[in-house]
C-alpha atoms as a PDB file:
ATOM      1  CA  MET A   1      -4.545  -1.131 -22.931  1.00  0.00           C
ATOM      2  CA  ALA A   2      -4.049   0.198 -19.374  1.00  0.00           C
ATOM      3  CA  THR A   3      -5.371  -1.923 -16.587  1.00  0.00           C
ATOM      4  CA  SER A   4      -6.511  -1.433 -12.971  1.00  0.00           C
ATOM      5  CA  VAL A   5      -5.162  -3.808 -10.414  1.00  0.00           C
ATOM      6  CA  ASP A   6      -7.178  -4.598  -7.045  1.00  0.00           C
ATOM      7  CA  PHE A   7      -4.603  -5.789  -4.322  1.00  0.00           C
ATOM      8  CA  HIS A   8      -5.580  -7.175  -1.074  1.00  0.00           C
ATOM      9  CA  LEU A   9      -3.150  -6.250   1.939  1.00  0.00           C
ATOM     10  CA  PRO A  10      -2.750  -9.001   4.676  1.00  0.00           C
ATOM     11  CA  GLN A  11      -4.181  -8.809   7.893  1.00  0.00           C
ATOM     12  CA  ASN A  12      -0.467  -8.295   9.523  1.00  0.00           C
ATOM     13  CA  LEU A  13       1.455  -5.782   7.819  1.00  0.00           C
ATOM     14  CA  THR A  14       4.479  -6.166  10.061  1.00  0.00           C
ATOM     15  CA  ILE A  15       8.020  -6.737   9.739  1.00  0.00           C
ATOM     16  CA  ALA A  16       7.529 -10.526   9.678  1.00  0.00           C
ATOM     17  CA  ASN A  17       5.924 -10.295   6.195  1.00  0.00           C
ATOM     18  CA  VAL A  18       7.117  -7.236   4.527  1.00  0.00           C
ATOM     19  CA  GLN A  19       9.734  -9.112   2.407  1.00  0.00           C
ATOM     20  CA  GLY A  20       7.072 -11.285   0.574  1.00  0.00           C
ATOM     21  CA  LEU A  21       4.804  -8.187   0.326  1.00  0.00           C
ATOM     22  CA  HIS A  22       7.476  -6.072  -1.111  1.00  0.00           C
ATOM     23  CA  ASP A  23       8.098  -8.415  -3.846  1.00  0.00           C
ATOM     24  CA  GLN A  24       4.257  -8.379  -4.748  1.00  0.00           C
ATOM     25  CA  LEU A  25       4.007  -4.657  -4.822  1.00  0.00           C
ATOM     26  CA  GLU A  26       7.389  -4.271  -6.629  1.00  0.00           C
ATOM     27  CA  ALA A  27       5.919  -6.401  -9.584  1.00  0.00           C
ATOM     28  CA  LEU A  28       2.886  -4.226  -9.542  1.00  0.00           C
ATOM     29  CA  VAL A  29       5.019  -1.198 -10.058  1.00  0.00           C
ATOM     30  CA  GLY A  30       6.859  -3.205 -12.943  1.00  0.00           C
ATOM     31  CA  GLU A  31       3.771  -3.863 -14.922  1.00  0.00           C
ATOM     32  CA  GLN A  32       3.981  -1.932 -18.013  1.00  0.00           C
ATOM     33  CA  ASP A  33       0.200  -1.612 -18.704  1.00  0.00           C
ATOM     34  CA  CYS A  34      -0.879  -0.984 -15.095  1.00  0.00           C
ATOM     35  CA  ASP A  35      -2.271   2.549 -14.672  1.00  0.00           C
ATOM     36  CA  LYS A  36      -3.992   2.191 -11.369  1.00  0.00           C
ATOM     37  CA  VAL A  37      -3.812   0.025  -8.159  1.00  0.00           C
ATOM     38  CA  THR A  38      -6.496  -0.151  -5.609  1.00  0.00           C
ATOM     39  CA  LEU A  39      -5.039  -1.337  -2.058  1.00  0.00           C
ATOM     40  CA  GLN A  40      -7.889  -3.115  -0.552  1.00  0.00           C
ATOM     41  CA  ALA A  41      -6.919  -2.712   3.233  1.00  0.00           C
ATOM     42  CA  GLU A  42     -10.251  -3.527   5.238  1.00  0.00           C
ATOM     43  CA  ASP A  43      -8.688  -6.713   6.694  1.00  0.00           C
ATOM     44  CA  VAL A  44      -5.509  -4.892   8.235  1.00  0.00           C
ATOM     45  CA  GLN A  45      -5.529  -5.622  11.847  1.00  0.00           C
ATOM     46  CA  ARG A  46      -1.865  -4.880  12.713  1.00  0.00           C
ATOM     47  CA  ALA A  47       0.620  -2.483  11.005  1.00  0.00           C
ATOM     48  CA  ASP A  48       4.159  -1.643  12.441  1.00  0.00           C
ATOM     49  CA  THR A  49       6.861   0.857  11.074  1.00  0.00           C
ATOM     50  CA  ALA A  50       7.997  -1.416   8.475  1.00  0.00           C
ATOM     51  CA  GLY A  51       4.742  -2.175   6.940  1.00  0.00           C
ATOM     52  CA  ILE A  52       3.844   1.506   6.854  1.00  0.00           C
ATOM     53  CA  GLN A  53       7.291   2.234   5.296  1.00  0.00           C
ATOM     54  CA  LEU A  54       6.811  -0.315   2.654  1.00  0.00           C
ATOM     55  CA  LEU A  55       3.500   1.260   1.755  1.00  0.00           C
ATOM     56  CA  LEU A  56       4.923   4.611   1.662  1.00  0.00           C
ATOM     57  CA  ALA A  57       7.727   3.460  -0.642  1.00  0.00           C
ATOM     58  CA  PHE A  58       5.069   1.757  -2.884  1.00  0.00           C
ATOM     59  CA  VAL A  59       2.942   4.869  -3.147  1.00  0.00           C
ATOM     60  CA  HIS A  60       6.165   6.923  -3.888  1.00  0.00           C
ATOM     61  CA  ALA A  61       7.288   4.347  -6.606  1.00  0.00           C
ATOM     62  CA  SER A  62       3.763   4.358  -8.168  1.00  0.00           C
ATOM     63  CA  LYS A  63       3.776   8.087  -8.558  1.00  0.00           C
ATOM     64  CA  GLU A  64       7.126   8.137 -10.289  1.00  0.00           C
ATOM     65  CA  ARG A  65       5.626   5.358 -12.917  1.00  0.00           C
ATOM     66  CA  GLN A  66       2.321   7.514 -13.128  1.00  0.00           C
ATOM     67  CA  ILE A  67       0.379   4.738 -11.316  1.00  0.00           C
ATOM     68  CA  ALA A  68      -2.539   6.138  -9.276  1.00  0.00           C
ATOM     69  CA  VAL A  69      -3.071   4.343  -6.030  1.00  0.00           C
ATOM     70  CA  ASP A  70      -6.504   4.355  -4.191  1.00  0.00           C
ATOM     71  CA  TRP A  71      -7.578   2.844  -1.090  1.00  0.00           C
ATOM     72  CA  LYS A  72     -10.519   0.762  -0.593  1.00  0.00           C
ATOM     73  CA  GLU A  73     -11.735   0.895   3.293  1.00  0.00           C
ATOM     74  CA  PRO A  74      -8.567   1.022   4.891  1.00  0.00           C
ATOM     75  CA  SER A  75      -9.065  -0.303   8.425  1.00  0.00           C
ATOM     76  CA  ASP A  76      -8.999   1.918  11.398  1.00  0.00           C
ATOM     77  CA  LYS A  77      -5.908   0.047  12.680  1.00  0.00           C
ATOM     78  CA  LEU A  78      -3.922   0.877   9.433  1.00  0.00           C
ATOM     79  CA  ARG A  79      -5.213   4.422   9.743  1.00  0.00           C
ATOM     80  CA  ALA A  80      -4.087   4.797  13.240  1.00  0.00           C
ATOM     81  CA  ALA A  81      -0.653   3.325  12.636  1.00  0.00           C
ATOM     82  CA  ALA A  82      -0.070   5.721   9.688  1.00  0.00           C
ATOM     83  CA  LYS A  83      -1.298   8.706  11.721  1.00  0.00           C
ATOM     84  CA  VAL A  84       1.006   7.815  14.701  1.00  0.00           C
ATOM     85  CA  LEU A  85       3.851   8.023  12.391  1.00  0.00           C
ATOM     86  CA  GLY A  86       2.733  11.071  10.784  1.00  0.00           C
ATOM     87  CA  LEU A  87       2.352   9.389   7.338  1.00  0.00           C
ATOM     88  CA  ASP A  88      -1.474   9.164   6.726  1.00  0.00           C
ATOM     89  CA  GLN A  89      -1.209  12.407   4.611  1.00  0.00           C
ATOM     90  CA  ASP A  90       1.609  10.806   2.568  1.00  0.00           C
ATOM     91  CA  LEU A  91      -0.098   7.554   2.105  1.00  0.00           C
ATOM     92  CA  GLY A  92      -3.346   9.148   1.091  1.00  0.00           C
ATOM     93  CA  LEU A  93      -5.209   8.078   3.905  1.00  0.00           C
ATOM     94  CA  HIS A  94      -6.732  11.428   5.038  1.00  0.00           C
END
């Protein structure tokens, strides 16, 4: 039976915490019965290039595994950081 997972992103999506976050997101992609992940991003207050790159890698890996990625209330700060890097469309934040 396929499942949907809600994943809460941290307030600080920065290089200081991407390693731990990477491990958690990698585990989601590795779940055999996961078919949808909803990234809850309303609390994100800071996002740097490393954080956005991690999210992009997650989105791409999810697509490869045919896991849908949806966003729930991405914060304005997250949207702005992705837009500055030109990755808002690739992340599905349009």
